[in-house]
Full PDB file with SEQRES, HELIX, SHEET, SSBOND, CRYST1, ORIGX, SCALE, CONECT and MASTER records, all heavy atoms in Angstrom:
SEQRES   1 A   34  LYS ASP TYR ILE HIS VAL LYS LYS THR VAL THR LEU MET          
SEQRES   2 A   34  LEU ARG PHE ILE THR LEU ILE ALA VAL VAL CYS MET LEU          
SEQRES   3 A   34  LEU ALA ALA PHE PHE PRO GLN THR                              
HELIX    1 AA1 TYR A    3  PHE A   30  1                                  28    
CRYST1    1.000    1.000    1.000  90.00  90.00  90.00 P 1           1          
ORIGX1      1.000000  0.000000  0.000000        0.00000                         
ORIGX2      0.000000  1.000000  0.000000        0.00000                         
ORIGX3      0.000000  0.000000  1.000000        0.00000                         
SCALE1      1.000000  0.000000  0.000000        0.00000                         
SCALE2      0.000000  1.000000  0.000000        0.00000                         
SCALE3      0.000000  0.000000  1.000000        0.00000                         
ATOM      1  N   LYS A   1     103.529 110.552  71.251  1.00  0.00           N  
ATOM      2  CA  LYS A   1     104.861 109.967  71.472  1.00  0.00           C  
ATOM      3  C   LYS A   1     105.452 110.226  72.784  1.00  0.00           C  
ATOM      4  O   LYS A   1     106.675 110.280  72.903  1.00  0.00           O  
ATOM      5  CB  LYS A   1     105.837 110.341  70.389  1.00  0.00           C  
ATOM      6  CG  LYS A   1     105.396 109.883  69.015  1.00  0.00           C  
ATOM      7  CD  LYS A   1     106.419 110.280  67.948  1.00  0.00           C  
ATOM      8  CE  LYS A   1     105.986 109.675  66.539  1.00  0.00           C  
ATOM      9  NZ  LYS A   1     104.629 110.019  66.179  1.00  0.00           N  
ATOM     10  N   ASP A   2     104.621 110.350  73.892  1.00  0.00           N  
ATOM     11  CA  ASP A   2     105.123 110.609  75.155  1.00  0.00           C  
ATOM     12  C   ASP A   2     105.199 109.218  75.949  1.00  0.00           C  
ATOM     13  O   ASP A   2     104.304 108.944  76.849  1.00  0.00           O  
ATOM     14  CB  ASP A   2     104.169 111.512  75.976  1.00  0.00           C  
ATOM     15  CG  ASP A   2     104.589 111.939  77.377  1.00  0.00           C  
ATOM     16  OD1 ASP A   2     105.716 111.521  77.792  1.00  0.00           O  
ATOM     17  OD2 ASP A   2     103.942 112.655  78.026  1.00  0.00           O  
ATOM     18  N   TYR A   3     106.226 108.516  75.785  1.00  0.00           N  
ATOM     19  CA  TYR A   3     106.253 107.113  76.170  1.00  0.00           C  
ATOM     20  C   TYR A   3     106.624 107.021  77.679  1.00  0.00           C  
ATOM     21  O   TYR A   3     106.219 106.036  78.328  1.00  0.00           O  
ATOM     22  CB  TYR A   3     107.414 106.414  75.406  1.00  0.00           C  
ATOM     23  CG  TYR A   3     107.110 106.371  73.794  1.00  0.00           C  
ATOM     24  CD1 TYR A   3     108.197 106.524  73.074  1.00  0.00           C  
ATOM     25  CD2 TYR A   3     105.817 106.169  73.344  1.00  0.00           C  
ATOM     26  CE1 TYR A   3     108.016 106.620  71.610  1.00  0.00           C  
ATOM     27  CE2 TYR A   3     105.656 106.135  72.092  1.00  0.00           C  
ATOM     28  CZ  TYR A   3     106.633 106.342  71.133  1.00  0.00           C  
ATOM     29  OH  TYR A   3     106.387 106.430  69.808  1.00  0.00           O  
ATOM     30  N   ILE A   4     107.181 107.978  78.279  1.00  0.00           N  
ATOM     31  CA  ILE A   4     107.493 108.056  79.594  1.00  0.00           C  
ATOM     32  C   ILE A   4     106.190 108.040  80.509  1.00  0.00           C  
ATOM     33  O   ILE A   4     105.983 107.298  81.420  1.00  0.00           O  
ATOM     34  CB  ILE A   4     108.399 109.208  80.048  1.00  0.00           C  
ATOM     35  CG1 ILE A   4     109.821 109.065  79.508  1.00  0.00           C  
ATOM     36  CG2 ILE A   4     108.521 109.397  81.694  1.00  0.00           C  
ATOM     37  CD1 ILE A   4     110.757 110.362  79.743  1.00  0.00           C  
ATOM     38  N   HIS A   5     105.290 108.950  80.083  1.00  0.00           N  
ATOM     39  CA  HIS A   5     103.945 109.002  80.774  1.00  0.00           C  
ATOM     40  C   HIS A   5     103.078 107.721  80.508  1.00  0.00           C  
ATOM     41  O   HIS A   5     102.263 107.347  81.320  1.00  0.00           O  
ATOM     42  CB  HIS A   5     103.186 110.268  80.498  1.00  0.00           C  
ATOM     43  CG  HIS A   5     103.758 111.404  81.244  1.00  0.00           C  
ATOM     44  ND1 HIS A   5     104.713 112.196  80.840  1.00  0.00           N  
ATOM     45  CD2 HIS A   5     103.274 111.953  82.360  1.00  0.00           C  
ATOM     46  CE1 HIS A   5     105.039 113.141  81.766  1.00  0.00           C  
ATOM     47  NE2 HIS A   5     104.178 112.988  82.774  1.00  0.00           N  
ATOM     48  N   VAL A   6     103.321 107.126  79.300  1.00  0.00           N  
ATOM     49  CA  VAL A   6     102.712 105.920  79.068  1.00  0.00           C  
ATOM     50  C   VAL A   6     103.071 104.832  80.084  1.00  0.00           C  
ATOM     51  O   VAL A   6     102.306 104.138  80.739  1.00  0.00           O  
ATOM     52  CB  VAL A   6     103.046 105.350  77.644  1.00  0.00           C  
ATOM     53  CG1 VAL A   6     102.433 103.853  77.503  1.00  0.00           C  
ATOM     54  CG2 VAL A   6     102.400 106.218  76.684  1.00  0.00           C  
ATOM     55  N   LYS A   7     104.362 104.716  80.447  1.00  0.00           N  
ATOM     56  CA  LYS A   7     104.938 103.687  81.354  1.00  0.00           C  
ATOM     57  C   LYS A   7     104.439 104.038  82.705  1.00  0.00           C  
ATOM     58  O   LYS A   7     104.001 103.106  83.458  1.00  0.00           O  
ATOM     59  CB  LYS A   7     106.500 103.788  81.344  1.00  0.00           C  
ATOM     60  CG  LYS A   7     107.100 103.197  80.017  1.00  0.00           C  
ATOM     61  CD  LYS A   7     108.582 103.148  80.264  1.00  0.00           C  
ATOM     62  CE  LYS A   7     109.236 102.621  79.028  1.00  0.00           C  
ATOM     63  NZ  LYS A   7     110.780 102.651  79.087  1.00  0.00           N  
ATOM     64  N   LYS A   8     104.408 105.258  83.225  1.00  0.00           N  
ATOM     65  CA  LYS A   8     103.973 105.562  84.478  1.00  0.00           C  
ATOM     66  C   LYS A   8     102.496 105.237  84.719  1.00  0.00           C  
ATOM     67  O   LYS A   8     102.126 104.755  85.823  1.00  0.00           O  
ATOM     68  CB  LYS A   8     104.312 107.079  84.822  1.00  0.00           C  
ATOM     69  CG  LYS A   8     105.728 107.387  84.946  1.00  0.00           C  
ATOM     70  CD  LYS A   8     105.997 108.911  85.241  1.00  0.00           C  
ATOM     71  CE  LYS A   8     107.396 109.116  85.594  1.00  0.00           C  
ATOM     72  NZ  LYS A   8     107.642 110.573  85.962  1.00  0.00           N  
ATOM     73  N   THR A   9     101.708 105.550  83.705  1.00  0.00           N  
ATOM     74  CA  THR A   9     100.280 105.156  83.792  1.00  0.00           C  
ATOM     75  C   THR A   9     100.070 103.662  83.851  1.00  0.00           C  
ATOM     76  O   THR A   9      99.189 103.163  84.746  1.00  0.00           O  
ATOM     77  CB  THR A   9      99.494 105.613  82.466  1.00  0.00           C  
ATOM     78  OG1 THR A   9      99.764 107.118  82.373  1.00  0.00           O  
ATOM     79  CG2 THR A   9      98.143 105.383  82.490  1.00  0.00           C  
ATOM     80  N   VAL A  10     100.788 102.956  83.153  1.00  0.00           N  
ATOM     81  CA  VAL A  10     100.836 101.474  83.225  1.00  0.00           C  
ATOM     82  C   VAL A  10     101.251 100.981  84.661  1.00  0.00           C  
ATOM     83  O   VAL A  10     100.469 100.123  85.292  1.00  0.00           O  
ATOM     84  CB  VAL A  10     101.657 100.756  82.187  1.00  0.00           C  
ATOM     85  CG1 VAL A  10     101.804  99.250  82.445  1.00  0.00           C  
ATOM     86  CG2 VAL A  10     101.227 100.958  80.771  1.00  0.00           C  
ATOM     87  N   THR A  11     102.206 101.508  85.188  1.00  0.00           N  
ATOM     88  CA  THR A  11     102.716 101.139  86.472  1.00  0.00           C  
ATOM     89  C   THR A  11     101.595 101.397  87.542  1.00  0.00           C  
ATOM     90  O   THR A  11     101.191 100.547  88.423  1.00  0.00           O  
ATOM     91  CB  THR A  11     103.840 101.940  86.949  1.00  0.00           C  
ATOM     92  OG1 THR A  11     104.946 101.665  86.108  1.00  0.00           O  
ATOM     93  CG2 THR A  11     104.398 101.593  88.461  1.00  0.00           C  
ATOM     94  N   LEU A  12     101.025 102.622  87.468  1.00  0.00           N  
ATOM     95  CA  LEU A  12      99.834 102.853  88.497  1.00  0.00           C  
ATOM     96  C   LEU A  12      98.714 101.969  88.166  1.00  0.00           C  
ATOM     97  O   LEU A  12      98.060 101.499  89.266  1.00  0.00           O  
ATOM     98  CB  LEU A  12      99.468 104.337  88.234  1.00  0.00           C  
ATOM     99  CG  LEU A  12      98.430 104.883  89.270  1.00  0.00           C  
ATOM    100  CD1 LEU A  12      98.898 104.865  90.744  1.00  0.00           C  
ATOM    101  CD2 LEU A  12      98.164 106.486  88.926  1.00  0.00           C  
ATOM    102  N   MET A  13      98.361 101.681  87.106  1.00  0.00           N  
ATOM    103  CA  MET A  13      97.241 100.735  86.674  1.00  0.00           C  
ATOM    104  C   MET A  13      97.563  99.336  87.333  1.00  0.00           C  
ATOM    105  O   MET A  13      96.627  98.737  87.887  1.00  0.00           O  
ATOM    106  CB  MET A  13      97.094 100.572  85.176  1.00  0.00           C  
ATOM    107  CG  MET A  13      96.020  99.636  84.698  1.00  0.00           C  
ATOM    108  SD  MET A  13      96.310  99.162  82.991  1.00  0.00           S  
ATOM    109  CE  MET A  13      97.720  98.096  83.095  1.00  0.00           C  
ATOM    110  N   LEU A  14      98.680  98.812  87.120  1.00  0.00           N  
ATOM    111  CA  LEU A  14      98.989  97.474  87.621  1.00  0.00           C  
ATOM    112  C   LEU A  14      98.990  97.406  89.178  1.00  0.00           C  
ATOM    113  O   LEU A  14      98.524  96.372  89.719  1.00  0.00           O  
ATOM    114  CB  LEU A  14     100.392  97.101  87.202  1.00  0.00           C  
ATOM    115  CG  LEU A  14     100.515  96.734  85.688  1.00  0.00           C  
ATOM    116  CD1 LEU A  14     102.004  96.422  85.261  1.00  0.00           C  
ATOM    117  CD2 LEU A  14      99.620  95.563  85.220  1.00  0.00           C  
ATOM    118  N   ARG A  15      99.397  98.485  89.841  1.00  0.00           N  
ATOM    119  CA  ARG A  15      99.183  98.438  91.277  1.00  0.00           C  
ATOM    120  C   ARG A  15      97.835  98.493  91.730  1.00  0.00           C  
ATOM    121  O   ARG A  15      97.367  97.745  92.767  1.00  0.00           O  
ATOM    122  CB  ARG A  15     100.006  99.706  91.881  1.00  0.00           C  
ATOM    123  CG  ARG A  15     101.559  99.737  91.675  1.00  0.00           C  
ATOM    124  CD  ARG A  15     102.222 101.037  92.026  1.00  0.00           C  
ATOM    125  NE  ARG A  15     103.595 100.945  91.755  1.00  0.00           N  
ATOM    126  CZ  ARG A  15     104.354 102.095  91.958  1.00  0.00           C  
ATOM    127  NH1 ARG A  15     103.869 103.214  92.408  1.00  0.00           N  
ATOM    128  NH2 ARG A  15     105.759 102.037  91.708  1.00  0.00           N  
ATOM    129  N   PHE A  16      97.030  99.290  90.983  1.00  0.00           N  
ATOM    130  CA  PHE A  16      95.572  99.336  91.379  1.00  0.00           C  
ATOM    131  C   PHE A  16      94.833  97.971  91.177  1.00  0.00           C  
ATOM    132  O   PHE A  16      94.158  97.494  91.918  1.00  0.00           O  
ATOM    133  CB  PHE A  16      94.970 100.382  90.511  1.00  0.00           C  
ATOM    134  CG  PHE A  16      93.634 101.011  91.044  1.00  0.00           C  
ATOM    135  CD1 PHE A  16      93.216 100.574  92.295  1.00  0.00           C  
ATOM    136  CD2 PHE A  16      92.934 101.925  90.302  1.00  0.00           C  
ATOM    137  CE1 PHE A  16      91.974 100.990  92.827  1.00  0.00           C  
ATOM    138  CE2 PHE A  16      91.859 102.384  90.822  1.00  0.00           C  
ATOM    139  CZ  PHE A  16      91.297 101.984  92.135  1.00  0.00           C  
ATOM    140  N   ILE A  17      95.027  97.361  89.982  1.00  0.00           N  
ATOM    141  CA  ILE A  17      94.335  96.057  89.616  1.00  0.00           C  
ATOM    142  C   ILE A  17      94.879  94.893  90.580  1.00  0.00           C  
ATOM    143  O   ILE A  17      94.003  94.094  90.840  1.00  0.00           O  
ATOM    144  CB  ILE A  17      94.536  95.743  88.170  1.00  0.00           C  
ATOM    145  CG1 ILE A  17      93.429  94.792  87.778  1.00  0.00           C  
ATOM    146  CG2 ILE A  17      95.865  95.215  87.845  1.00  0.00           C  
ATOM    147  CD1 ILE A  17      91.919  95.135  87.940  1.00  0.00           C  
ATOM    148  N   THR A  18      96.015  94.933  91.028  1.00  0.00           N  
ATOM    149  CA  THR A  18      96.504  93.886  91.945  1.00  0.00           C  
ATOM    150  C   THR A  18      95.760  94.010  93.262  1.00  0.00           C  
ATOM    151  O   THR A  18      95.322  92.975  93.821  1.00  0.00           O  
ATOM    152  CB  THR A  18      98.088  94.053  92.076  1.00  0.00           C  
ATOM    153  OG1 THR A  18      98.764  93.842  90.875  1.00  0.00           O  
ATOM    154  CG2 THR A  18      98.576  92.903  93.077  1.00  0.00           C  
ATOM    155  N   LEU A  19      95.640  95.268  93.696  1.00  0.00           N  
ATOM    156  CA  LEU A  19      94.946  95.449  95.057  1.00  0.00           C  
ATOM    157  C   LEU A  19      93.467  94.955  94.936  1.00  0.00           C  
ATOM    158  O   LEU A  19      92.974  94.153  95.782  1.00  0.00           O  
ATOM    159  CB  LEU A  19      94.924  96.855  95.428  1.00  0.00           C  
ATOM    160  CG  LEU A  19      94.026  97.420  96.638  1.00  0.00           C  
ATOM    161  CD1 LEU A  19      94.676  96.614  97.850  1.00  0.00           C  
ATOM    162  CD2 LEU A  19      94.060  98.868  96.709  1.00  0.00           C  
ATOM    163  N   ILE A  20      92.808  95.281  93.773  1.00  0.00           N  
ATOM    164  CA  ILE A  20      91.380  94.815  93.637  1.00  0.00           C  
ATOM    165  C   ILE A  20      91.319  93.283  93.439  1.00  0.00           C  
ATOM    166  O   ILE A  20      90.448  92.610  94.007  1.00  0.00           O  
ATOM    167  CB  ILE A  20      90.817  95.517  92.362  1.00  0.00           C  
ATOM    168  CG1 ILE A  20      90.699  96.952  92.639  1.00  0.00           C  
ATOM    169  CG2 ILE A  20      89.466  94.821  92.009  1.00  0.00           C  
ATOM    170  CD1 ILE A  20      90.268  97.791  91.286  1.00  0.00           C  
ATOM    171  N   ALA A  21      92.288  92.750  92.786  1.00  0.00           N  
ATOM    172  CA  ALA A  21      92.251  91.265  92.598  1.00  0.00           C  
ATOM    173  C   ALA A  21      92.497  90.544  93.832  1.00  0.00           C  
ATOM    174  O   ALA A  21      91.799  89.517  94.155  1.00  0.00           O  
ATOM    175  CB  ALA A  21      93.380  90.897  91.640  1.00  0.00           C  
ATOM    176  N   VAL A  22      93.298  91.014  94.822  1.00  0.00           N  
ATOM    177  CA  VAL A  22      93.429  90.359  96.123  1.00  0.00           C  
ATOM    178  C   VAL A  22      92.345  90.377  96.966  1.00  0.00           C  
ATOM    179  O   VAL A  22      91.829  89.475  97.597  1.00  0.00           O  
ATOM    180  CB  VAL A  22      94.609  91.108  96.755  1.00  0.00           C  
ATOM    181  CG1 VAL A  22      94.700  90.671  98.324  1.00  0.00           C  
ATOM    182  CG2 VAL A  22      95.977  90.799  96.215  1.00  0.00           C  
ATOM    183  N   VAL A  23      91.578  91.618  96.951  1.00  0.00           N  
ATOM    184  CA  VAL A  23      90.210  91.611  97.552  1.00  0.00           C  
ATOM    185  C   VAL A  23      89.136  90.617  97.036  1.00  0.00           C  
ATOM    186  O   VAL A  23      88.597  89.931  97.900  1.00  0.00           O  
ATOM    187  CB  VAL A  23      89.607  93.008  97.546  1.00  0.00           C  
ATOM    188  CG1 VAL A  23      88.256  93.161  98.061  1.00  0.00           C  
ATOM    189  CG2 VAL A  23      90.590  93.987  98.252  1.00  0.00           C  
ATOM    190  N   CYS A  24      89.120  90.510  95.731  1.00  0.00           N  
ATOM    191  CA  CYS A  24      88.114  89.613  95.274  1.00  0.00           C  
ATOM    192  C   CYS A  24      88.533  88.080  95.479  1.00  0.00           C  
ATOM    193  O   CYS A  24      87.699  87.329  95.691  1.00  0.00           O  
ATOM    194  CB  CYS A  24      88.112  89.790  93.690  1.00  0.00           C  
ATOM    195  SG  CYS A  24      87.154  91.358  93.254  1.00  0.00           S  
ATOM    196  N   MET A  25      89.868  87.918  95.411  1.00  0.00           N  
ATOM    197  CA  MET A  25      90.290  86.536  95.750  1.00  0.00           C  
ATOM    198  C   MET A  25      89.890  86.067  97.241  1.00  0.00           C  
ATOM    199  O   MET A  25      89.518  84.921  97.500  1.00  0.00           O  
ATOM    200  CB  MET A  25      91.776  86.501  95.612  1.00  0.00           C  
ATOM    201  CG  MET A  25      92.177  86.433  94.282  1.00  0.00           C  
ATOM    202  SD  MET A  25      94.093  86.688  94.057  1.00  0.00           S  
ATOM    203  CE  MET A  25      94.699  85.100  94.594  1.00  0.00           C  
ATOM    204  N   LEU A  26      90.042  86.961  98.220  1.00  0.00           N  
ATOM    205  CA  LEU A  26      89.711  86.734  99.643  1.00  0.00           C  
ATOM    206  C   LEU A  26      88.208  86.582  99.663  1.00  0.00           C  
ATOM    207  O   LEU A  26      87.640  85.665 100.469  1.00  0.00           O  
ATOM    208  CB  LEU A  26      90.124  87.848 100.479  1.00  0.00           C  
ATOM    209  CG  LEU A  26      91.537  88.083 100.642  1.00  0.00           C  
ATOM    210  CD1 LEU A  26      91.900  89.400 101.377  1.00  0.00           C  
ATOM    211  CD2 LEU A  26      92.172  86.997 101.316  1.00  0.00           C  
ATOM    212  N   LEU A  27      87.356  87.302  98.968  1.00  0.00           N  
ATOM    213  CA  LEU A  27      85.867  87.108  99.037  1.00  0.00           C  
ATOM    214  C   LEU A  27      85.460  85.751  98.506  1.00  0.00           C  
ATOM    215  O   LEU A  27      84.706  85.093  98.959  1.00  0.00           O  
ATOM    216  CB  LEU A  27      85.222  88.350  98.216  1.00  0.00           C  
ATOM    217  CG  LEU A  27      85.272  89.702  98.778  1.00  0.00           C  
ATOM    218  CD1 LEU A  27      84.677  90.703  97.905  1.00  0.00           C  
ATOM    219  CD2 LEU A  27      84.529  89.753 100.196  1.00  0.00           C  
ATOM    220  N   ALA A  28      86.077  85.389  97.328  1.00  0.00           N  
ATOM    221  CA  ALA A  28      85.754  84.155  96.663  1.00  0.00           C  
ATOM    222  C   ALA A  28      86.195  82.902  97.442  1.00  0.00           C  
ATOM    223  O   ALA A  28      85.567  81.894  97.529  1.00  0.00           O  
ATOM    224  CB  ALA A  28      86.333  84.152  95.314  1.00  0.00           C  
ATOM    225  N   ALA A  29      87.369  82.987  98.176  1.00  0.00           N  
ATOM    226  CA  ALA A  29      87.895  81.976  99.048  1.00  0.00           C  
ATOM    227  C   ALA A  29      87.149  81.699 100.292  1.00  0.00           C  
ATOM    228  O   ALA A  29      86.887  80.631 100.715  1.00  0.00           O  
ATOM    229  CB  ALA A  29      89.364  82.243  99.311  1.00  0.00           C  
ATOM    230  N   PHE A  30      86.716  82.844 100.838  1.00  0.00           N  
ATOM    231  CA  PHE A  30      86.152  82.720 102.228  1.00  0.00           C  
ATOM    232  C   PHE A  30      84.627  82.927 102.353  1.00  0.00           C  
ATOM    233  O   PHE A  30      84.016  82.527 103.417  1.00  0.00           O  
ATOM    234  CB  PHE A  30      86.949  83.603 103.185  1.00  0.00           C  
ATOM    235  CG  PHE A  30      88.343  83.310 103.376  1.00  0.00           C  
ATOM    236  CD1 PHE A  30      89.350  84.036 102.761  1.00  0.00           C  
ATOM    237  CD2 PHE A  30      88.715  82.177 104.098  1.00  0.00           C  
ATOM    238  CE1 PHE A  30      90.687  83.758 102.988  1.00  0.00           C  
ATOM    239  CE2 PHE A  30      90.168  81.870 104.210  1.00  0.00           C  
ATOM    240  CZ  PHE A  30      91.068  82.719 103.677  1.00  0.00           C  
ATOM    241  N   PHE A  31      84.062  83.594 101.353  1.00  0.00           N  
ATOM    242  CA  PHE A  31      82.619  83.959 101.498  1.00  0.00           C  
ATOM    243  C   PHE A  31      81.880  83.548 100.214  1.00  0.00           C  
ATOM    244  O   PHE A  31      80.966  84.214  99.705  1.00  0.00           O  
ATOM    245  CB  PHE A  31      82.506  85.418 101.756  1.00  0.00           C  
ATOM    246  CG  PHE A  31      83.151  85.922 102.989  1.00  0.00           C  
ATOM    247  CD1 PHE A  31      84.377  86.542 102.830  1.00  0.00           C  
ATOM    248  CD2 PHE A  31      82.695  85.663 104.263  1.00  0.00           C  
ATOM    249  CE1 PHE A  31      85.105  87.090 103.937  1.00  0.00           C  
ATOM    250  CE2 PHE A  31      83.402  86.168 105.385  1.00  0.00           C  
ATOM    251  CZ  PHE A  31      84.581  86.859 105.214  1.00  0.00           C  
ATOM    252  N   PRO A  32      82.203  82.430  99.607  1.00  0.00           N  
ATOM    253  CA  PRO A  32      81.562  82.046  98.353  1.00  0.00           C  
ATOM    254  C   PRO A  32      80.055  81.727  98.423  1.00  0.00           C  
ATOM    255  O   PRO A  32      79.216  82.229  97.579  1.00  0.00           O  
ATOM    256  CB  PRO A  32      82.239  80.837  97.887  1.00  0.00           C  
ATOM    257  CG  PRO A  32      82.643  80.093  99.236  1.00  0.00           C  
ATOM    258  CD  PRO A  32      83.048  81.278 100.019  1.00  0.00           C  
ATOM    259  N   GLN A  33      79.421  81.168  99.492  1.00  0.00           N  
ATOM    260  CA  GLN A  33      78.195  81.024  99.691  1.00  0.00           C  
ATOM    261  C   GLN A  33      77.332  82.368  99.960  1.00  0.00           C  
ATOM    262  O   GLN A  33      76.211  82.496  99.457  1.00  0.00           O  
ATOM    263  CB  GLN A  33      77.846  80.110 100.921  1.00  0.00           C  
ATOM    264  CG  GLN A  33      78.434  78.689 100.614  1.00  0.00           C  
ATOM    265  CD  GLN A  33      78.013  77.732 101.881  1.00  0.00           C  
ATOM    266  OE1 GLN A  33      77.927  78.167 103.001  1.00  0.00           O  
ATOM    267  NE2 GLN A  33      77.952  76.489 101.613  1.00  0.00           N  
ATOM    268  N   THR A  34      77.950  83.223 100.667  1.00  0.00           N  
ATOM    269  CA  THR A  34      77.394  84.526 100.949  1.00  0.00           C  
ATOM    270  C   THR A  34      77.091  85.320  99.380  1.00  0.00           C  
ATOM    271  O   THR A  34      76.179  85.851  99.189  1.00  0.00           O  
ATOM    272  CB  THR A  34      78.258  85.462 101.757  1.00  0.00           C  
ATOM    273  OG1 THR A  34      78.380  84.833 103.064  1.00  0.00           O  
ATOM    274  CG2 THR A  34      77.606  86.827 102.054  1.00  0.00           C  
TER     275      THR A  34                                                      
MASTER        0    0    0    1    0    0    0    6  274    1    0    3          
END                                                                             
């Protein structure tokens, strides 16, 4: 029942996955044939 640390973990997770998603979007948009 440590809900504060649940929230902080979710925040860190969302920041991380957003960064990864942006990188993959750029690769798919500009280098699909590669």
